[in-house]
Amino acid sequence: MLILSRKLGESIVIDGRITVRIVRVDGDTVKLGIAAPAEVPVHRQEVYQEIQLSNQAALTKGRRVVPKLSAERPVLPTATPLPAGSPA
């Protein structure tokens, strides 16, 4: 892990595409501003972990078995024609 010291208003750049700036320091809380391309997901760690758990649960839940299709074509019922002159 790389550990850096930054002052209010200073930034770090990751991969030339992501900028993390120290926006505010309130006591023991640091507010960060993160600028990243739209295709780069940025999450708080607890949210990211919940997404990973949810994705894993979706993969491991009992999978529905899809019935095998028959090679034969089903016979569909045909409509009985109405007598001439009867209302539809």
C-alpha atoms as a PDB file:
ATOM      1  CA  MET A   1       0.000   0.000   0.000  1.00  0.00           C
ATOM      2  CA  LEU A   2       1.281   3.441  -0.901  1.00  0.00           C
ATOM      3  CA  ILE A   3       0.800   5.998   1.880  1.00  0.00           C
ATOM      4  CA  LEU A   4       0.902   9.673   0.934  1.00  0.00           C
ATOM      5  CA  SER A   5       0.515  12.898   2.856  1.00  0.00           C
ATOM      6  CA  ARG A   6      -1.612  15.555   1.192  1.00  0.00           C
ATOM      7  CA  LYS A   7      -2.802  18.944   2.359  1.00  0.00           C
ATOM      8  CA  LEU A   8      -6.153  20.580   1.771  1.00  0.00           C
ATOM      9  CA  GLY A   9      -6.577  21.292  -1.948  1.00  0.00           C
ATOM     10  CA  GLU A  10      -3.799  18.901  -3.016  1.00  0.00           C
ATOM     11  CA  SER A  11      -4.421  15.920  -5.290  1.00  0.00           C
ATOM     12  CA  ILE A  12      -3.063  12.606  -6.448  1.00  0.00           C
ATOM     13  CA  VAL A  13      -3.448  11.181  -9.953  1.00  0.00           C
ATOM     14  CA  ILE A  14      -4.020   7.479 -10.605  1.00  0.00           C
ATOM     15  CA  ASP A  15      -3.266   5.995 -14.028  1.00  0.00           C
ATOM     16  CA  GLY A  16      -3.353   9.451 -15.588  1.00  0.00           C
ATOM     17  CA  ARG A  17      -7.171   9.244 -15.640  1.00  0.00           C
ATOM     18  CA  ILE A  18      -8.342   9.464 -12.029  1.00  0.00           C
ATOM     19  CA  THR A  19      -7.756  12.491  -9.807  1.00  0.00           C
ATOM     20  CA  VAL A  20      -8.354  12.346  -6.055  1.00  0.00           C
ATOM     21  CA  ARG A  21      -8.367  15.761  -4.344  1.00  0.00           C
ATOM     22  CA  ILE A  22      -8.539  16.617  -0.649  1.00  0.00           C
ATOM     23  CA  VAL A  23     -11.601  18.874  -0.548  1.00  0.00           C
ATOM     24  CA  ARG A  24     -12.132  19.372   3.187  1.00  0.00           C
ATOM     25  CA  VAL A  25     -10.897  18.140   6.542  1.00  0.00           C
ATOM     26  CA  ASP A  26     -13.455  18.146   9.380  1.00  0.00           C
ATOM     27  CA  GLY A  27     -11.863  16.787  12.562  1.00  0.00           C
ATOM     28  CA  ASP A  28     -11.077  13.143  11.845  1.00  0.00           C
ATOM     29  CA  THR A  29     -13.087  13.096   8.597  1.00  0.00           C
ATOM     30  CA  VAL A  30     -11.472  13.808   5.242  1.00  0.00           C
ATOM     31  CA  LYS A  31     -13.678  14.782   2.288  1.00  0.00           C
ATOM     32  CA  LEU A  32     -12.337  13.573  -1.048  1.00  0.00           C
ATOM     33  CA  GLY A  33     -13.276  14.692  -4.533  1.00  0.00           C
ATOM     34  CA  ILE A  34     -12.800  12.018  -7.185  1.00  0.00           C
ATOM     35  CA  ALA A  35     -12.740  12.765 -10.921  1.00  0.00           C
ATOM     36  CA  ALA A  36     -12.797   9.612 -13.037  1.00  0.00           C
ATOM     37  CA  PRO A  37     -14.048   8.643 -16.500  1.00  0.00           C
ATOM     38  CA  ALA A  38     -17.675   7.497 -16.594  1.00  0.00           C
ATOM     39  CA  GLU A  39     -16.625   3.935 -17.445  1.00  0.00           C
ATOM     40  CA  VAL A  40     -14.612   3.640 -14.202  1.00  0.00           C
ATOM     41  CA  PRO A  41     -16.901   2.666 -11.313  1.00  0.00           C
ATOM     42  CA  VAL A  42     -16.125   4.463  -8.046  1.00  0.00           C
ATOM     43  CA  HIS A  43     -17.723   3.139  -4.841  1.00  0.00           C
ATOM     44  CA  ARG A  44     -17.166   3.378  -1.111  1.00  0.00           C
ATOM     45  CA  GLN A  45     -15.579   0.124   0.054  1.00  0.00           C
ATOM     46  CA  GLU A  46     -18.650  -1.034   2.016  1.00  0.00           C
ATOM     47  CA  VAL A  47     -20.861  -0.473  -1.039  1.00  0.00           C
ATOM     48  CA  TYR A  48     -18.387  -2.290  -3.291  1.00  0.00           C
ATOM     49  CA  GLN A  49     -18.303  -5.263  -0.904  1.00  0.00           C
ATOM     50  CA  GLU A  50     -22.111  -5.421  -0.845  1.00  0.00           C
ATOM     51  CA  ILE A  51     -22.221  -5.376  -4.663  1.00  0.00           C
ATOM     52  CA  GLN A  52     -19.699  -8.235  -4.764  1.00  0.00           C
ATOM     53  CA  LEU A  53     -21.693 -10.289  -2.222  1.00  0.00           C
ATOM     54  CA  SER A  54     -24.908  -9.656  -4.127  1.00  0.00           C
ATOM     55  CA  ASN A  55     -23.317 -10.684  -7.434  1.00  0.00           C
ATOM     56  CA  GLN A  56     -21.883 -13.847  -5.862  1.00  0.00           C
ATOM     57  CA  ALA A  57     -25.267 -14.735  -4.345  1.00  0.00           C
ATOM     58  CA  ALA A  58     -26.956 -14.272  -7.722  1.00  0.00           C
ATOM     59  CA  LEU A  59     -24.450 -16.659  -9.319  1.00  0.00           C
ATOM     60  CA  THR A  60     -24.829 -19.372  -6.692  1.00  0.00           C
ATOM     61  CA  LYS A  61     -28.595 -19.343  -6.129  1.00  0.00           C
ATOM     62  CA  GLY A  62     -30.422 -22.442  -7.279  1.00  0.00           C
ATOM     63  CA  ARG A  63     -30.539 -22.276 -11.001  1.00  0.00           C
ATOM     64  CA  ARG A  64     -33.825 -22.993 -12.699  1.00  0.00           C
ATOM     65  CA  VAL A  65     -33.735 -25.952 -14.979  1.00  0.00           C
ATOM     66  CA  VAL A  66     -35.053 -25.056 -18.401  1.00  0.00           C
ATOM     67  CA  PRO A  67     -37.045 -27.947 -19.868  1.00  0.00           C
ATOM     68  CA  LYS A  68     -35.548 -29.504 -22.955  1.00  0.00           C
ATOM     69  CA  LEU A  69     -37.452 -28.710 -26.120  1.00  0.00           C
ATOM     70  CA  SER A  70     -38.946 -31.608 -28.002  1.00  0.00           C
ATOM     71  CA  ALA A  71     -37.826 -32.234 -31.560  1.00  0.00           C
ATOM     72  CA  GLU A  72     -41.469 -32.747 -32.517  1.00  0.00           C
ATOM     73  CA  ARG A  73     -43.610 -29.779 -33.391  1.00  0.00           C
ATOM     74  CA  PRO A  74     -46.577 -29.406 -31.052  1.00  0.00           C
ATOM     75  CA  VAL A  75     -50.041 -29.752 -32.497  1.00  0.00           C
ATOM     76  CA  LEU A  76     -51.934 -26.544 -31.899  1.00  0.00           C
ATOM     77  CA  PRO A  77     -55.721 -26.579 -31.612  1.00  0.00           C
ATOM     78  CA  THR A  78     -57.480 -25.042 -34.587  1.00  0.00           C
ATOM     79  CA  ALA A  79     -60.329 -22.594 -34.266  1.00  0.00           C
ATOM     80  CA  THR A  80     -63.780 -23.867 -35.136  1.00  0.00           C
ATOM     81  CA  PRO A  81     -65.283 -21.702 -37.857  1.00  0.00           C
ATOM     82  CA  LEU A  82     -68.484 -19.862 -36.919  1.00  0.00           C
ATOM     83  CA  PRO A  83     -71.598 -20.564 -38.944  1.00  0.00           C
ATOM     84  CA  ALA A  84     -72.346 -17.990 -41.614  1.00  0.00           C
ATOM     85  CA  GLY A  85     -74.410 -15.071 -40.379  1.00  0.00           C
ATOM     86  CA  SER A  86     -73.624 -15.542 -36.665  1.00  0.00           C
ATOM     87  CA  PRO A  87     -72.183 -12.581 -34.704  1.00  0.00           C
ATOM     88  CA  ALA A  88     -68.427 -12.680 -34.157  1.00  0.00           C
END
